[in-house]
Amino acid sequence: MGRPIALRWCLYFPIALVAVGQLGQAAGQTPSNPLTDAQVRDKASNLLRQMTLDEKIAQLSQLPGFPVPEFKENVSKTLEEILKQVGAGSVLWVSDP
């Protein structure tokens, strides 16, 4: 049947996955010396090439930051085990890293 729509969107439009401002700051750029669009696209493409398909899929997931009955019923692993094994795009409702 093909890949889910969200995954296809992610693979065809990878630049949408990267926060442009954060890329510039991570590269040591300052607001007075921003990265060009081409530099941002190159950095995003390079980062995405380094990721496995499983890592990209994990970035699309949001895990609950506290026990949710429906989550526990459908998943046999703990939140910590899932994060260690496959990662996640975010953990909801957690404000302290």
C-alpha atoms as a PDB file:
ATOM      1  CA  MET A   1       0.000   0.000   0.000  1.00  0.00           C
ATOM      2  CA  GLY A   2       2.968   2.333   0.433  1.00  0.00           C
ATOM      3  CA  ARG A   3       4.279   4.478   3.231  1.00  0.00           C
ATOM      4  CA  PRO A   4       1.943   6.455   5.492  1.00  0.00           C
ATOM      5  CA  ILE A   5       1.206   9.971   4.293  1.00  0.00           C
ATOM      6  CA  ALA A   6       3.131  11.618   7.157  1.00  0.00           C
ATOM      7  CA  LEU A   7       6.243   9.596   6.386  1.00  0.00           C
ATOM      8  CA  ARG A   8       6.015  10.328   2.650  1.00  0.00           C
ATOM      9  CA  TRP A   9       5.632  14.036   3.429  1.00  0.00           C
ATOM     10  CA  CYS A  10       8.650  13.857   5.738  1.00  0.00           C
ATOM     11  CA  LEU A  11      10.801  12.196   3.087  1.00  0.00           C
ATOM     12  CA  TYR A  12       9.768  14.499   0.228  1.00  0.00           C
ATOM     13  CA  PHE A  13       9.958  17.759   2.202  1.00  0.00           C
ATOM     14  CA  PRO A  14      12.817  17.212   4.679  1.00  0.00           C
ATOM     15  CA  ILE A  15      13.539  20.906   5.152  1.00  0.00           C
ATOM     16  CA  ALA A  16      10.189  21.228   6.930  1.00  0.00           C
ATOM     17  CA  LEU A  17      11.579  19.019   9.705  1.00  0.00           C
ATOM     18  CA  VAL A  18      14.370  21.432  10.610  1.00  0.00           C
ATOM     19  CA  ALA A  19      13.967  24.671  12.523  1.00  0.00           C
ATOM     20  CA  VAL A  20      15.911  27.142  10.417  1.00  0.00           C
ATOM     21  CA  GLY A  21      16.917  29.340  13.334  1.00  0.00           C
ATOM     22  CA  GLN A  22      18.221  26.418  15.363  1.00  0.00           C
ATOM     23  CA  LEU A  23      20.357  25.194  12.484  1.00  0.00           C
ATOM     24  CA  GLY A  24      22.056  28.554  12.209  1.00  0.00           C
ATOM     25  CA  GLN A  25      22.704  28.764  15.938  1.00  0.00           C
ATOM     26  CA  ALA A  26      24.067  25.218  16.042  1.00  0.00           C
ATOM     27  CA  ALA A  27      26.500  26.086  13.250  1.00  0.00           C
ATOM     28  CA  GLY A  28      27.787  29.115  15.152  1.00  0.00           C
ATOM     29  CA  GLN A  29      25.898  31.600  12.994  1.00  0.00           C
ATOM     30  CA  THR A  30      24.574  34.792  14.518  1.00  0.00           C
ATOM     31  CA  PRO A  31      21.447  36.715  13.486  1.00  0.00           C
ATOM     32  CA  SER A  32      23.714  39.246  11.759  1.00  0.00           C
ATOM     33  CA  ASN A  33      25.312  36.435   9.729  1.00  0.00           C
ATOM     34  CA  PRO A  34      22.454  34.028   8.912  1.00  0.00           C
ATOM     35  CA  LEU A  35      22.765  30.917   6.803  1.00  0.00           C
ATOM     36  CA  THR A  36      21.488  31.103   3.258  1.00  0.00           C
ATOM     37  CA  ASP A  37      18.541  28.937   2.201  1.00  0.00           C
ATOM     38  CA  ALA A  38      20.918  26.718   0.238  1.00  0.00           C
ATOM     39  CA  GLN A  39      23.155  26.229   3.305  1.00  0.00           C
ATOM     40  CA  VAL A  40      20.147  25.326   5.444  1.00  0.00           C
ATOM     41  CA  ARG A  41      18.924  22.818   2.854  1.00  0.00           C
ATOM     42  CA  ASP A  42      22.413  21.261   2.608  1.00  0.00           C
ATOM     43  CA  LYS A  43      22.706  20.929   6.389  1.00  0.00           C
ATOM     44  CA  ALA A  44      19.213  19.420   6.672  1.00  0.00           C
ATOM     45  CA  SER A  45      19.875  16.984   3.829  1.00  0.00           C
ATOM     46  CA  ASN A  46      23.196  15.921   5.347  1.00  0.00           C
ATOM     47  CA  LEU A  47      21.617  15.337   8.752  1.00  0.00           C
ATOM     48  CA  LEU A  48      18.717  13.370   7.277  1.00  0.00           C
ATOM     49  CA  ARG A  49      21.095  11.217   5.199  1.00  0.00           C
ATOM     50  CA  GLN A  50      22.812  10.167   8.426  1.00  0.00           C
ATOM     51  CA  MET A  51      19.527   9.022   9.983  1.00  0.00           C
ATOM     52  CA  THR A  52      18.100   5.540   9.498  1.00  0.00           C
ATOM     53  CA  LEU A  53      14.487   5.106   8.404  1.00  0.00           C
ATOM     54  CA  ASP A  54      13.632   3.935  11.947  1.00  0.00           C
ATOM     55  CA  GLU A  55      15.157   7.116  13.413  1.00  0.00           C
ATOM     56  CA  LYS A  56      13.143   9.270  11.010  1.00  0.00           C
ATOM     57  CA  ILE A  57       9.944   7.443  11.899  1.00  0.00           C
ATOM     58  CA  ALA A  58      10.698   7.811  15.629  1.00  0.00           C
ATOM     59  CA  GLN A  59      10.985  11.571  15.144  1.00  0.00           C
ATOM     60  CA  LEU A  60       7.324  11.581  14.077  1.00  0.00           C
ATOM     61  CA  SER A  61       6.162  10.072  17.371  1.00  0.00           C
ATOM     62  CA  GLN A  62       5.063  11.857  20.523  1.00  0.00           C
ATOM     63  CA  LEU A  63       5.150   9.843  23.719  1.00  0.00           C
ATOM     64  CA  PRO A  64       3.110  10.658  26.833  1.00  0.00           C
ATOM     65  CA  GLY A  65       5.110  12.140  29.698  1.00  0.00           C
ATOM     66  CA  PHE A  66       2.965  10.506  32.368  1.00  0.00           C
ATOM     67  CA  PRO A  67       1.092   7.173  32.629  1.00  0.00           C
ATOM     68  CA  VAL A  68      -1.816   7.013  30.187  1.00  0.00           C
ATOM     69  CA  PRO A  69      -4.019   3.887  30.460  1.00  0.00           C
ATOM     70  CA  GLU A  70      -4.529   3.576  26.690  1.00  0.00           C
ATOM     71  CA  PHE A  71      -0.780   3.769  26.097  1.00  0.00           C
ATOM     72  CA  LYS A  72      -0.051   1.072  28.688  1.00  0.00           C
ATOM     73  CA  GLU A  73      -2.742  -1.189  27.196  1.00  0.00           C
ATOM     74  CA  ASN A  74      -1.250  -1.008  23.696  1.00  0.00           C
ATOM     75  CA  VAL A  75       2.471  -0.997  24.433  1.00  0.00           C
ATOM     76  CA  SER A  76       4.295  -3.698  26.361  1.00  0.00           C
ATOM     77  CA  LYS A  77       7.422  -1.626  27.074  1.00  0.00           C
ATOM     78  CA  THR A  78       7.991   1.242  29.459  1.00  0.00           C
ATOM     79  CA  LEU A  79       8.471   4.781  28.203  1.00  0.00           C
ATOM     80  CA  GLU A  80      12.172   4.597  29.120  1.00  0.00           C
ATOM     81  CA  GLU A  81      12.644   1.360  27.155  1.00  0.00           C
ATOM     82  CA  ILE A  82      10.999   2.856  24.077  1.00  0.00           C
ATOM     83  CA  LEU A  83      13.151   5.985  24.262  1.00  0.00           C
ATOM     84  CA  LYS A  84      16.351   3.955  24.631  1.00  0.00           C
ATOM     85  CA  GLN A  85      15.450   1.556  21.819  1.00  0.00           C
ATOM     86  CA  VAL A  86      13.953   3.792  19.119  1.00  0.00           C
ATOM     87  CA  GLY A  87      13.745   7.355  20.449  1.00  0.00           C
ATOM     88  CA  ALA A  88      10.943   9.853  19.923  1.00  0.00           C
ATOM     89  CA  GLY A  89      10.310  13.253  18.426  1.00  0.00           C
ATOM     90  CA  SER A  90       9.015  14.543  21.746  1.00  0.00           C
ATOM     91  CA  VAL A  91       7.691  13.581  25.152  1.00  0.00           C
ATOM     92  CA  LEU A  92       4.494  15.481  25.867  1.00  0.00           C
ATOM     93  CA  TRP A  93       3.739  17.400  29.055  1.00  0.00           C
ATOM     94  CA  VAL A  94       7.331  17.272  30.371  1.00  0.00           C
ATOM     95  CA  SER A  95       8.903  20.644  31.040  1.00  0.00           C
ATOM     96  CA  ASP A  96      12.027  19.476  32.865  1.00  0.00           C
ATOM     97  CA  PRO A  97      14.622  17.635  30.761  1.00  0.00           C
END
